[in-house]
Each structure stands twice: as structure tokens, then as C-alpha cells.
Amino acid sequence: MTRWFFTVRQRFTPSQIEDWQSYIKFSGFVHITEVVTLDSILCPDLIDHLIDEDWSHNIQADYRTTWFTDLAYLRQRISPTDQNQLLAILEQPTHIHKVLPGFNFCGFDILDDYDSNSLLTNFDPFSGIFSPSDVNQFGLLSDPEHANAIAAQLRSSLPDDPHCCNCRVWQIARNVELNAGP
């Protein structure tokens, strides 16, 4: 059975002009239209404090306490705006999984062992492992085999790097209703 988790993140778009221009220069992703990522710096988590009821619906593991297993609960917990995005995420996919109704497939991210930094969107470029042209319009990889191959190469090439040694691939889908804005 496919086990989706859910999180609410701030959007990172060209409307954040100065930050966006700096990011494009850093990343080399000149063709992207928006960053959709689980990276907590580029797209911060919008659940900034947990309430008692959250503990009945969240993932109770290091670095994942603001990720939820109950979509209905998370929907009532958030206030939708055009500056946030509700994401459905799936850990270690080997193929493109059918996304839930109301969500669109965005791509695959590679997160560090802490589930907080994206090795695709917010890490020094890895010459020879992947290039900016490998990512889609959201800064993600579109093919799970390619994403898993890059993650495997990062783990084997940089086994002592705490960000790379246990990196994992995540499939990301975004809620359509919440993200009908710009």
C-alpha cells in the first residue's frame, strides 16, 4: 500500500524578485518557473508550532513532526493562501505512483538524512552527478530511475558527507485547489 504524507510549505516563486534572482544565479536553474521542494530553507514549513491535537495526526519521528498522515486534519489545520502549498509526499518511490485526487504530480526531490535540505535545489551543484538541465520547471526530477540513480551516486561518491550518506528520494504532488493562485 502506498503511504502518502502531507505537509504545508511556503511557495518560492519569481514574485520574490530579489531572492529569486539570487537563487537562479546560485542554482543555474534558468528554466524553472517555481521551486517546489521539501527543502526547509527555500520552502519553509508553515506549521511553525505544534498543538496538542497534531500529535494524533503527525509523524512522530525526528525532523518529520510537521508532516501529517491525515490529509483531512491538515486541511482544517491550515489557512489556504496563494503563498502556501499543500504537498503530498511519498518516500523512496521506485516508479511514478498515481497521485491522490486533487493533486498534480510535480516530480522527485532528493533530501538529506535530516529530511530538511534538498540535494537538488539547495546544495552546492554536483559537477558530473547532475546538471541544472536535469530538473523540470519545479526544480525536481521527472523520472524516478534518474532520481534514484543520482541519490545512489551521491551516497557512494560522498559517503562521509552527512547530507549525502543517507539521502532519499521523495515523490512530490501538489494540491490543485490550494494552488490555483499565481
N, C-alpha and C. Protein backbone atom coordinates (compact mmCIF):
# COMPACT_ATOMS: atom_id res chain seq x y z
N MET A 1 0.82 -1.19 0.00
CA MET A 1 0.00 0.00 0.00
C MET A 1 0.87 1.26 0.00
N THR A 2 0.49 2.22 -0.80
CA THR A 2 1.22 3.48 -0.88
C THR A 2 0.85 4.35 0.32
N ARG A 3 1.85 4.83 1.04
CA ARG A 3 1.60 5.64 2.23
C ARG A 3 2.05 7.08 1.98
N TRP A 4 1.10 7.93 1.71
CA TRP A 4 1.37 9.34 1.48
C TRP A 4 1.42 10.09 2.81
N PHE A 5 2.33 11.06 2.87
CA PHE A 5 2.38 12.01 3.97
C PHE A 5 2.02 13.37 3.39
N PHE A 6 1.71 14.33 4.27
CA PHE A 6 1.28 15.65 3.81
C PHE A 6 1.97 16.74 4.61
N THR A 7 2.30 17.83 3.93
CA THR A 7 2.96 18.95 4.56
C THR A 7 2.51 20.23 3.87
N VAL A 8 2.57 21.33 4.58
CA VAL A 8 2.22 22.63 4.02
C VAL A 8 3.49 23.48 4.01
N ARG A 9 3.82 23.99 2.84
CA ARG A 9 5.05 24.76 2.66
C ARG A 9 4.78 26.11 2.03
N GLN A 10 5.66 27.04 2.33
CA GLN A 10 5.60 28.33 1.66
C GLN A 10 6.04 28.14 0.21
N ARG A 11 5.43 28.87 -0.69
CA ARG A 11 5.82 28.81 -2.09
C ARG A 11 7.06 29.68 -2.32
N PHE A 12 7.87 29.30 -3.30
CA PHE A 12 9.03 30.09 -3.71
C PHE A 12 8.89 30.30 -5.22
N THR A 13 8.57 31.55 -5.59
CA THR A 13 8.25 31.89 -6.98
C THR A 13 9.02 33.14 -7.43
N PRO A 14 8.97 33.43 -8.72
CA PRO A 14 9.62 34.66 -9.22
C PRO A 14 9.05 35.94 -8.61
N SER A 15 7.90 35.88 -7.96
CA SER A 15 7.34 37.08 -7.33
C SER A 15 8.21 37.58 -6.17
N GLN A 16 9.07 36.72 -5.65
CA GLN A 16 10.04 37.12 -4.62
C GLN A 16 11.32 37.55 -5.35
N ILE A 17 11.24 38.67 -6.02
CA ILE A 17 12.19 39.09 -7.05
C ILE A 17 13.65 38.96 -6.64
N GLU A 18 14.04 39.61 -5.58
CA GLU A 18 15.46 39.62 -5.20
C GLU A 18 15.95 38.22 -4.81
N ASP A 19 15.18 37.52 -3.97
CA ASP A 19 15.56 36.17 -3.55
C ASP A 19 15.57 35.23 -4.76
N TRP A 20 14.59 35.38 -5.65
CA TRP A 20 14.50 34.52 -6.83
C TRP A 20 15.72 34.71 -7.73
N GLN A 21 16.08 35.95 -8.00
CA GLN A 21 17.23 36.22 -8.88
C GLN A 21 18.52 35.66 -8.28
N SER A 22 18.70 35.80 -6.98
CA SER A 22 19.88 35.24 -6.32
C SER A 22 19.88 33.72 -6.41
N TYR A 23 18.69 33.13 -6.24
CA TYR A 23 18.60 31.68 -6.30
C TYR A 23 18.91 31.16 -7.70
N ILE A 24 18.40 31.80 -8.73
CA ILE A 24 18.66 31.36 -10.11
C ILE A 24 20.16 31.45 -10.41
N LYS A 25 20.80 32.49 -9.93
CA LYS A 25 22.25 32.63 -10.13
C LYS A 25 23.00 31.51 -9.42
N PHE A 26 22.60 31.20 -8.18
CA PHE A 26 23.24 30.13 -7.39
C PHE A 26 23.02 28.77 -8.03
N SER A 27 21.79 28.48 -8.41
CA SER A 27 21.43 27.13 -8.84
C SER A 27 21.73 26.84 -10.31
N GLY A 28 21.66 27.87 -11.15
CA GLY A 28 21.79 27.65 -12.58
C GLY A 28 20.51 27.15 -13.22
N PHE A 29 19.41 27.10 -12.47
CA PHE A 29 18.12 26.62 -12.96
C PHE A 29 17.38 27.74 -13.69
N VAL A 30 17.92 28.18 -14.80
CA VAL A 30 17.36 29.33 -15.51
C VAL A 30 16.00 29.05 -16.14
N HIS A 31 15.64 27.80 -16.29
CA HIS A 31 14.40 27.42 -16.96
C HIS A 31 13.23 27.13 -16.02
N ILE A 32 13.42 27.19 -14.71
CA ILE A 32 12.33 26.83 -13.81
C ILE A 32 11.33 27.98 -13.66
N THR A 33 10.10 27.62 -13.33
CA THR A 33 9.05 28.62 -13.15
C THR A 33 8.69 28.82 -11.68
N GLU A 34 9.09 27.89 -10.85
CA GLU A 34 8.81 27.92 -9.41
C GLU A 34 9.61 26.79 -8.78
N VAL A 35 9.96 26.94 -7.50
CA VAL A 35 10.61 25.85 -6.78
C VAL A 35 9.55 25.15 -5.93
N VAL A 36 9.41 23.85 -6.16
CA VAL A 36 8.55 23.01 -5.33
C VAL A 36 9.50 22.00 -4.70
N THR A 37 9.67 22.08 -3.40
CA THR A 37 10.66 21.25 -2.72
C THR A 37 10.28 21.04 -1.27
N LEU A 38 10.87 20.03 -0.68
CA LEU A 38 10.73 19.79 0.75
C LEU A 38 11.84 20.49 1.54
N ASP A 39 12.69 21.22 0.83
CA ASP A 39 13.77 21.95 1.48
C ASP A 39 13.19 23.00 2.42
N SER A 40 13.60 22.94 3.68
CA SER A 40 13.01 23.81 4.70
C SER A 40 13.52 25.25 4.66
N ILE A 41 14.56 25.51 3.88
CA ILE A 41 15.04 26.89 3.74
C ILE A 41 14.34 27.58 2.58
N LEU A 42 14.27 26.90 1.44
CA LEU A 42 13.65 27.50 0.27
C LEU A 42 12.13 27.56 0.38
N CYS A 43 11.53 26.52 0.91
CA CYS A 43 10.07 26.44 1.08
C CYS A 43 9.80 26.05 2.53
N PRO A 44 9.87 27.02 3.44
CA PRO A 44 9.71 26.71 4.86
C PRO A 44 8.37 26.06 5.18
N ASP A 45 8.41 25.22 6.17
CA ASP A 45 7.21 24.56 6.69
C ASP A 45 6.32 25.62 7.32
N LEU A 46 5.04 25.58 7.03
CA LEU A 46 4.13 26.59 7.57
C LEU A 46 3.46 26.17 8.88
N ILE A 47 3.71 24.96 9.33
CA ILE A 47 3.29 24.57 10.68
C ILE A 47 4.48 24.92 11.57
N ASP A 48 4.44 26.10 12.16
CA ASP A 48 5.60 26.56 12.93
C ASP A 48 5.56 26.17 14.40
N HIS A 49 4.41 25.73 14.85
CA HIS A 49 4.33 25.19 16.21
C HIS A 49 3.23 24.12 16.22
N LEU A 50 3.47 23.10 16.98
CA LEU A 50 2.51 22.00 17.08
C LEU A 50 1.53 22.27 18.21
N ILE A 51 0.30 21.87 17.98
CA ILE A 51 -0.71 21.94 19.03
C ILE A 51 -0.99 20.51 19.49
N ASP A 52 -1.64 20.37 20.62
CA ASP A 52 -1.86 19.05 21.20
C ASP A 52 -2.49 18.07 20.22
N GLU A 53 -3.51 18.51 19.47
CA GLU A 53 -4.22 17.63 18.54
C GLU A 53 -3.32 17.12 17.42
N ASP A 54 -2.28 17.89 17.06
CA ASP A 54 -1.36 17.47 15.98
C ASP A 54 -0.75 16.10 16.26
N TRP A 55 -0.50 15.80 17.51
CA TRP A 55 0.18 14.56 17.87
C TRP A 55 -0.64 13.32 17.57
N SER A 56 -1.91 13.49 17.30
CA SER A 56 -2.75 12.36 16.89
C SER A 56 -2.73 12.16 15.37
N HIS A 57 -2.09 13.08 14.64
CA HIS A 57 -2.16 13.06 13.18
C HIS A 57 -0.80 13.22 12.50
N ASN A 58 0.24 13.51 13.25
CA ASN A 58 1.53 13.76 12.62
C ASN A 58 2.43 12.54 12.66
N ILE A 59 3.58 12.67 12.01
CA ILE A 59 4.60 11.63 12.04
C ILE A 59 5.49 11.93 13.24
N GLN A 60 5.59 11.01 14.12
CA GLN A 60 6.36 11.23 15.33
C GLN A 60 7.74 10.63 15.17
N ALA A 61 8.54 11.35 14.38
CA ALA A 61 9.92 10.94 14.11
C ALA A 61 10.76 12.21 13.94
N ASP A 62 12.04 12.11 14.21
CA ASP A 62 12.92 13.26 14.07
C ASP A 62 12.73 13.93 12.73
N TYR A 63 12.65 15.25 12.75
CA TYR A 63 12.58 16.10 11.57
C TYR A 63 11.29 15.94 10.78
N ARG A 64 10.33 15.16 11.23
CA ARG A 64 9.09 14.94 10.48
C ARG A 64 7.83 15.28 11.28
N THR A 65 7.96 15.91 12.40
CA THR A 65 6.78 16.13 13.25
C THR A 65 5.76 17.09 12.64
N THR A 66 6.16 17.85 11.65
CA THR A 66 5.20 18.74 10.97
C THR A 66 4.73 18.14 9.65
N TRP A 67 4.95 16.86 9.47
CA TRP A 67 4.40 16.10 8.36
C TRP A 67 3.25 15.27 8.92
N PHE A 68 2.19 15.15 8.16
CA PHE A 68 0.97 14.53 8.69
C PHE A 68 0.54 13.34 7.86
N THR A 69 -0.15 12.42 8.51
CA THR A 69 -0.69 11.23 7.84
C THR A 69 -2.16 11.41 7.50
N ASP A 70 -2.78 12.41 8.06
CA ASP A 70 -4.22 12.64 7.91
C ASP A 70 -4.46 13.92 7.11
N LEU A 71 -4.79 13.76 5.83
CA LEU A 71 -5.00 14.90 4.94
C LEU A 71 -6.17 15.76 5.41
N ALA A 72 -7.27 15.16 5.80
CA ALA A 72 -8.44 15.92 6.25
C ALA A 72 -8.09 16.79 7.45
N TYR A 73 -7.33 16.23 8.37
CA TYR A 73 -6.93 17.01 9.54
C TYR A 73 -6.05 18.19 9.13
N LEU A 74 -5.08 17.95 8.28
CA LEU A 74 -4.17 19.03 7.88
C LEU A 74 -4.93 20.12 7.13
N ARG A 75 -5.88 19.74 6.30
CA ARG A 75 -6.68 20.75 5.58
C ARG A 75 -7.40 21.68 6.54
N GLN A 76 -7.95 21.15 7.63
CA GLN A 76 -8.66 22.01 8.57
C GLN A 76 -7.68 22.78 9.47
N ARG A 77 -6.45 22.33 9.52
CA ARG A 77 -5.43 22.97 10.37
C ARG A 77 -4.82 24.21 9.71
N ILE A 78 -4.87 24.29 8.39
CA ILE A 78 -4.19 25.37 7.67
C ILE A 78 -5.18 26.41 7.16
N SER A 79 -4.66 27.59 6.87
CA SER A 79 -5.43 28.65 6.21
C SER A 79 -4.87 28.80 4.81
N PRO A 80 -5.60 28.34 3.80
CA PRO A 80 -5.08 28.41 2.43
C PRO A 80 -4.84 29.85 1.95
N THR A 81 -3.72 30.07 1.33
CA THR A 81 -3.41 31.35 0.68
C THR A 81 -2.69 31.03 -0.61
N ASP A 82 -2.49 32.05 -1.43
CA ASP A 82 -1.74 31.82 -2.67
C ASP A 82 -0.24 31.75 -2.41
N GLN A 83 0.18 31.93 -1.16
CA GLN A 83 1.59 31.85 -0.83
C GLN A 83 1.97 30.55 -0.14
N ASN A 84 1.02 29.62 -0.01
CA ASN A 84 1.39 28.33 0.54
C ASN A 84 0.93 27.20 -0.37
N GLN A 85 1.48 26.04 -0.14
CA GLN A 85 1.17 24.88 -0.96
C GLN A 85 1.06 23.64 -0.08
N LEU A 86 0.04 22.87 -0.36
CA LEU A 86 -0.20 21.61 0.34
C LEU A 86 0.40 20.51 -0.53
N LEU A 87 1.36 19.79 0.03
CA LEU A 87 2.07 18.76 -0.72
C LEU A 87 1.75 17.38 -0.19
N ALA A 88 1.62 16.43 -1.11
CA ALA A 88 1.55 15.01 -0.77
C ALA A 88 2.91 14.44 -1.14
N ILE A 89 3.51 13.69 -0.23
CA ILE A 89 4.88 13.20 -0.45
C ILE A 89 4.95 11.70 -0.17
N LEU A 90 5.83 11.06 -0.91
CA LEU A 90 5.97 9.61 -0.82
C LEU A 90 7.45 9.28 -0.80
N GLU A 91 7.87 8.56 0.22
CA GLU A 91 9.28 8.24 0.42
C GLU A 91 9.73 7.04 -0.41
N GLN A 92 10.89 7.17 -1.01
CA GLN A 92 11.60 6.11 -1.74
C GLN A 92 10.77 5.42 -2.82
N PRO A 93 10.14 6.18 -3.70
CA PRO A 93 9.38 5.53 -4.78
C PRO A 93 10.32 4.91 -5.81
N THR A 94 9.91 3.82 -6.38
CA THR A 94 10.69 3.18 -7.45
C THR A 94 10.06 3.44 -8.82
N HIS A 95 8.84 3.98 -8.79
CA HIS A 95 8.15 4.34 -10.02
C HIS A 95 7.25 5.54 -9.71
N ILE A 96 6.66 6.12 -10.74
CA ILE A 96 5.73 7.22 -10.50
C ILE A 96 4.42 6.63 -9.99
N HIS A 97 4.10 6.97 -8.76
CA HIS A 97 2.86 6.49 -8.16
C HIS A 97 1.72 7.41 -8.58
N LYS A 98 0.56 6.81 -8.76
CA LYS A 98 -0.63 7.59 -9.05
C LYS A 98 -0.87 8.52 -7.87
N VAL A 99 -1.09 9.81 -8.16
CA VAL A 99 -1.29 10.77 -7.08
C VAL A 99 -2.75 10.77 -6.66
N LEU A 100 -2.99 11.31 -5.51
CA LEU A 100 -4.33 11.37 -4.93
C LEU A 100 -5.21 12.34 -5.72
N PRO A 101 -6.51 12.13 -5.70
CA PRO A 101 -7.42 13.08 -6.35
C PRO A 101 -7.21 14.49 -5.79
N GLY A 102 -7.20 15.47 -6.68
CA GLY A 102 -6.99 16.85 -6.27
C GLY A 102 -5.53 17.26 -6.21
N PHE A 103 -4.62 16.36 -6.57
CA PHE A 103 -3.19 16.65 -6.56
C PHE A 103 -2.62 16.45 -7.96
N ASN A 104 -1.58 17.21 -8.28
CA ASN A 104 -0.84 17.03 -9.53
C ASN A 104 0.59 16.61 -9.23
N PHE A 105 1.09 15.68 -10.02
CA PHE A 105 2.47 15.23 -9.90
C PHE A 105 3.41 16.40 -10.22
N CYS A 106 4.41 16.61 -9.37
CA CYS A 106 5.41 17.67 -9.59
C CYS A 106 6.78 17.09 -9.95
N GLY A 107 7.18 15.99 -9.31
CA GLY A 107 8.48 15.40 -9.58
C GLY A 107 9.06 14.74 -8.35
N PHE A 108 10.39 14.54 -8.42
CA PHE A 108 11.10 13.84 -7.36
C PHE A 108 12.19 14.73 -6.80
N ASP A 109 12.25 14.80 -5.49
CA ASP A 109 13.27 15.56 -4.77
C ASP A 109 14.21 14.55 -4.12
N ILE A 110 15.40 14.99 -3.75
CA ILE A 110 16.35 14.16 -3.01
C ILE A 110 16.68 14.92 -1.74
N LEU A 111 16.30 14.35 -0.60
CA LEU A 111 16.53 15.01 0.69
C LEU A 111 17.69 14.37 1.44
N ASP A 112 18.34 15.19 2.24
CA ASP A 112 19.41 14.70 3.09
C ASP A 112 18.85 13.82 4.21
N ASP A 113 19.74 13.30 5.03
CA ASP A 113 19.35 12.39 6.11
C ASP A 113 18.45 13.04 7.15
N TYR A 114 18.45 14.36 7.19
CA TYR A 114 17.65 15.10 8.17
C TYR A 114 16.29 15.51 7.61
N ASP A 115 15.99 15.10 6.40
CA ASP A 115 14.73 15.44 5.73
C ASP A 115 14.48 16.95 5.73
N SER A 116 15.55 17.73 5.59
CA SER A 116 15.36 19.17 5.63
C SER A 116 16.05 19.92 4.49
N ASN A 117 17.10 19.36 3.93
CA ASN A 117 17.80 20.01 2.83
C ASN A 117 17.67 19.18 1.56
N SER A 118 17.34 19.87 0.48
CA SER A 118 17.27 19.20 -0.82
C SER A 118 18.65 19.22 -1.46
N LEU A 119 19.08 18.05 -1.90
CA LEU A 119 20.36 17.96 -2.59
C LEU A 119 20.22 18.38 -4.05
N LEU A 120 19.00 18.57 -4.51
CA LEU A 120 18.77 19.08 -5.86
C LEU A 120 18.67 20.60 -5.87
N THR A 121 17.85 21.14 -5.00
CA THR A 121 17.50 22.55 -5.09
C THR A 121 18.31 23.47 -4.19
N ASN A 122 18.98 22.95 -3.18
CA ASN A 122 19.62 23.85 -2.23
C ASN A 122 20.92 23.27 -1.66
N PHE A 123 21.76 22.85 -2.55
CA PHE A 123 23.06 22.31 -2.15
C PHE A 123 24.04 22.68 -3.25
N ASP A 124 25.32 22.73 -2.94
CA ASP A 124 26.29 23.05 -3.97
C ASP A 124 26.10 22.13 -5.16
N PRO A 125 26.14 22.70 -6.36
CA PRO A 125 25.99 21.85 -7.54
C PRO A 125 27.04 20.74 -7.57
N PHE A 126 26.61 19.55 -7.98
CA PHE A 126 27.48 18.39 -8.02
C PHE A 126 27.90 18.14 -9.46
N SER A 127 29.03 18.67 -9.81
CA SER A 127 29.54 18.52 -11.17
C SER A 127 29.70 17.04 -11.51
N GLY A 128 29.12 16.65 -12.61
CA GLY A 128 29.25 15.27 -13.06
C GLY A 128 28.18 14.33 -12.52
N ILE A 129 27.44 14.72 -11.48
CA ILE A 129 26.39 13.86 -10.94
C ILE A 129 25.04 14.27 -11.52
N PHE A 130 24.76 15.56 -11.54
CA PHE A 130 23.58 16.07 -12.24
C PHE A 130 23.85 17.51 -12.63
N SER A 131 23.07 18.00 -13.56
CA SER A 131 23.25 19.37 -14.01
C SER A 131 21.91 20.10 -13.93
N PRO A 132 21.95 21.43 -13.97
CA PRO A 132 20.70 22.19 -13.91
C PRO A 132 19.68 21.77 -14.96
N SER A 133 20.13 21.34 -16.11
CA SER A 133 19.19 20.95 -17.17
C SER A 133 18.45 19.65 -16.85
N ASP A 134 18.88 18.92 -15.82
CA ASP A 134 18.21 17.68 -15.44
C ASP A 134 16.87 17.91 -14.75
N VAL A 135 16.67 19.10 -14.19
CA VAL A 135 15.45 19.33 -13.41
C VAL A 135 14.34 19.91 -14.29
N ASN A 136 13.11 19.67 -13.86
CA ASN A 136 11.94 20.17 -14.58
C ASN A 136 11.64 21.61 -14.17
N GLN A 137 10.47 22.12 -14.54
CA GLN A 137 10.10 23.51 -14.27
C GLN A 137 9.96 23.83 -12.79
N PHE A 138 9.89 22.80 -11.93
CA PHE A 138 9.78 23.00 -10.48
C PHE A 138 11.10 22.76 -9.74
N GLY A 139 12.17 22.48 -10.47
CA GLY A 139 13.44 22.19 -9.82
C GLY A 139 13.53 20.76 -9.32
N LEU A 140 12.67 19.89 -9.85
CA LEU A 140 12.62 18.49 -9.46
C LEU A 140 12.98 17.60 -10.64
N LEU A 141 13.24 16.35 -10.36
CA LEU A 141 13.49 15.37 -11.41
C LEU A 141 12.16 14.73 -11.80
N SER A 142 11.98 14.46 -13.08
CA SER A 142 10.71 13.90 -13.55
C SER A 142 10.70 12.39 -13.61
N ASP A 143 11.86 11.78 -13.59
CA ASP A 143 11.97 10.33 -13.74
C ASP A 143 12.50 9.69 -12.46
N PRO A 144 11.77 8.73 -11.89
CA PRO A 144 12.21 8.12 -10.63
C PRO A 144 13.52 7.34 -10.76
N GLU A 145 13.74 6.70 -11.90
CA GLU A 145 15.01 5.97 -12.08
C GLU A 145 16.18 6.93 -12.06
N HIS A 146 16.03 8.07 -12.72
CA HIS A 146 17.09 9.07 -12.73
C HIS A 146 17.31 9.62 -11.32
N ALA A 147 16.23 9.90 -10.59
CA ALA A 147 16.34 10.41 -9.22
C ALA A 147 17.04 9.40 -8.32
N ASN A 148 16.66 8.14 -8.42
CA ASN A 148 17.29 7.11 -7.59
C ASN A 148 18.75 6.89 -7.97
N ALA A 149 19.07 7.01 -9.25
CA ALA A 149 20.46 6.87 -9.69
C ALA A 149 21.31 8.02 -9.15
N ILE A 150 20.78 9.24 -9.18
CA ILE A 150 21.51 10.39 -8.64
C ILE A 150 21.71 10.22 -7.14
N ALA A 151 20.67 9.82 -6.43
CA ALA A 151 20.78 9.61 -4.97
C ALA A 151 21.83 8.55 -4.67
N ALA A 152 21.82 7.45 -5.42
CA ALA A 152 22.81 6.38 -5.21
C ALA A 152 24.22 6.90 -5.48
N GLN A 153 24.37 7.70 -6.51
CA GLN A 153 25.70 8.24 -6.82
C GLN A 153 26.16 9.22 -5.75
N LEU A 154 25.26 10.03 -5.21
CA LEU A 154 25.61 10.94 -4.12
C LEU A 154 26.05 10.14 -2.89
N ARG A 155 25.32 9.08 -2.56
CA ARG A 155 25.68 8.27 -1.39
C ARG A 155 27.04 7.60 -1.58
N SER A 156 27.30 7.06 -2.77
CA SER A 156 28.57 6.35 -2.98
C SER A 156 29.74 7.30 -3.19
N SER A 157 29.51 8.44 -3.80
CA SER A 157 30.60 9.39 -4.06
C SER A 157 30.97 10.19 -2.82
N LEU A 158 30.01 10.42 -1.93
CA LEU A 158 30.25 11.25 -0.75
C LEU A 158 29.76 10.55 0.52
N PRO A 159 30.32 9.37 0.83
CA PRO A 159 29.82 8.58 1.96
C PRO A 159 30.04 9.23 3.32
N ASP A 160 30.98 10.17 3.41
CA ASP A 160 31.26 10.82 4.69
C ASP A 160 30.52 12.15 4.85
N ASP A 161 29.82 12.57 3.83
CA ASP A 161 29.06 13.82 3.90
C ASP A 161 27.72 13.53 4.58
N PRO A 162 27.44 14.18 5.71
CA PRO A 162 26.20 13.88 6.43
C PRO A 162 24.93 14.19 5.63
N HIS A 163 25.05 15.05 4.64
CA HIS A 163 23.89 15.34 3.80
C HIS A 163 23.66 14.25 2.76
N CYS A 164 24.72 13.62 2.31
CA CYS A 164 24.60 12.68 1.19
C CYS A 164 24.57 11.21 1.60
N CYS A 165 25.16 10.85 2.71
CA CYS A 165 25.37 9.44 3.04
C CYS A 165 24.07 8.64 3.16
N ASN A 166 22.98 9.27 3.56
CA ASN A 166 21.71 8.56 3.68
C ASN A 166 20.58 9.32 2.96
N CYS A 167 20.93 10.00 1.88
CA CYS A 167 19.90 10.77 1.17
C CYS A 167 18.84 9.85 0.58
N ARG A 168 17.63 10.40 0.45
CA ARG A 168 16.49 9.62 -0.03
C ARG A 168 15.69 10.41 -1.05
N VAL A 169 15.05 9.67 -1.94
CA VAL A 169 14.20 10.26 -2.97
C VAL A 169 12.77 10.35 -2.44
N TRP A 170 12.10 11.44 -2.78
CA TRP A 170 10.71 11.67 -2.40
C TRP A 170 9.91 12.08 -3.63
N GLN A 171 8.78 11.45 -3.85
CA GLN A 171 7.86 11.90 -4.88
C GLN A 171 7.00 13.01 -4.29
N ILE A 172 6.79 14.07 -5.06
CA ILE A 172 6.01 15.22 -4.59
C ILE A 172 4.84 15.47 -5.54
N ALA A 173 3.67 15.64 -4.96
CA ALA A 173 2.48 16.07 -5.70
C ALA A 173 1.91 17.27 -4.95
N ARG A 174 1.33 18.20 -5.69
CA ARG A 174 0.80 19.42 -5.07
C ARG A 174 -0.71 19.51 -5.25
N ASN A 175 -1.36 19.97 -4.18
CA ASN A 175 -2.81 20.11 -4.20
C ASN A 175 -3.21 21.16 -5.23
N VAL A 176 -4.15 20.82 -6.06
CA VAL A 176 -4.59 21.70 -7.14
C VAL A 176 -5.44 22.84 -6.61
N GLU A 177 -6.40 22.55 -5.73
CA GLU A 177 -7.31 23.57 -5.24
C GLU A 177 -6.57 24.67 -4.48
N LEU A 178 -5.63 24.28 -3.63
CA LEU A 178 -4.91 25.27 -2.82
C LEU A 178 -4.01 26.12 -3.68
N ASN A 179 -3.53 25.59 -4.80
CA ASN A 179 -2.55 26.30 -5.60
C ASN A 179 -3.11 26.79 -6.93
N ALA A 180 -4.34 27.26 -6.89
CA ALA A 180 -4.94 27.81 -8.10
C ALA A 180 -4.48 29.25 -8.34
N GLY A 181 -3.79 29.84 -7.35
CA GLY A 181 -3.33 31.23 -7.47
C GLY A 181 -2.12 31.35 -8.37
N PRO A 182 -1.46 32.52 -8.34
CA PRO A 182 -0.33 32.76 -9.24
C PRO A 182 0.84 31.85 -9.04
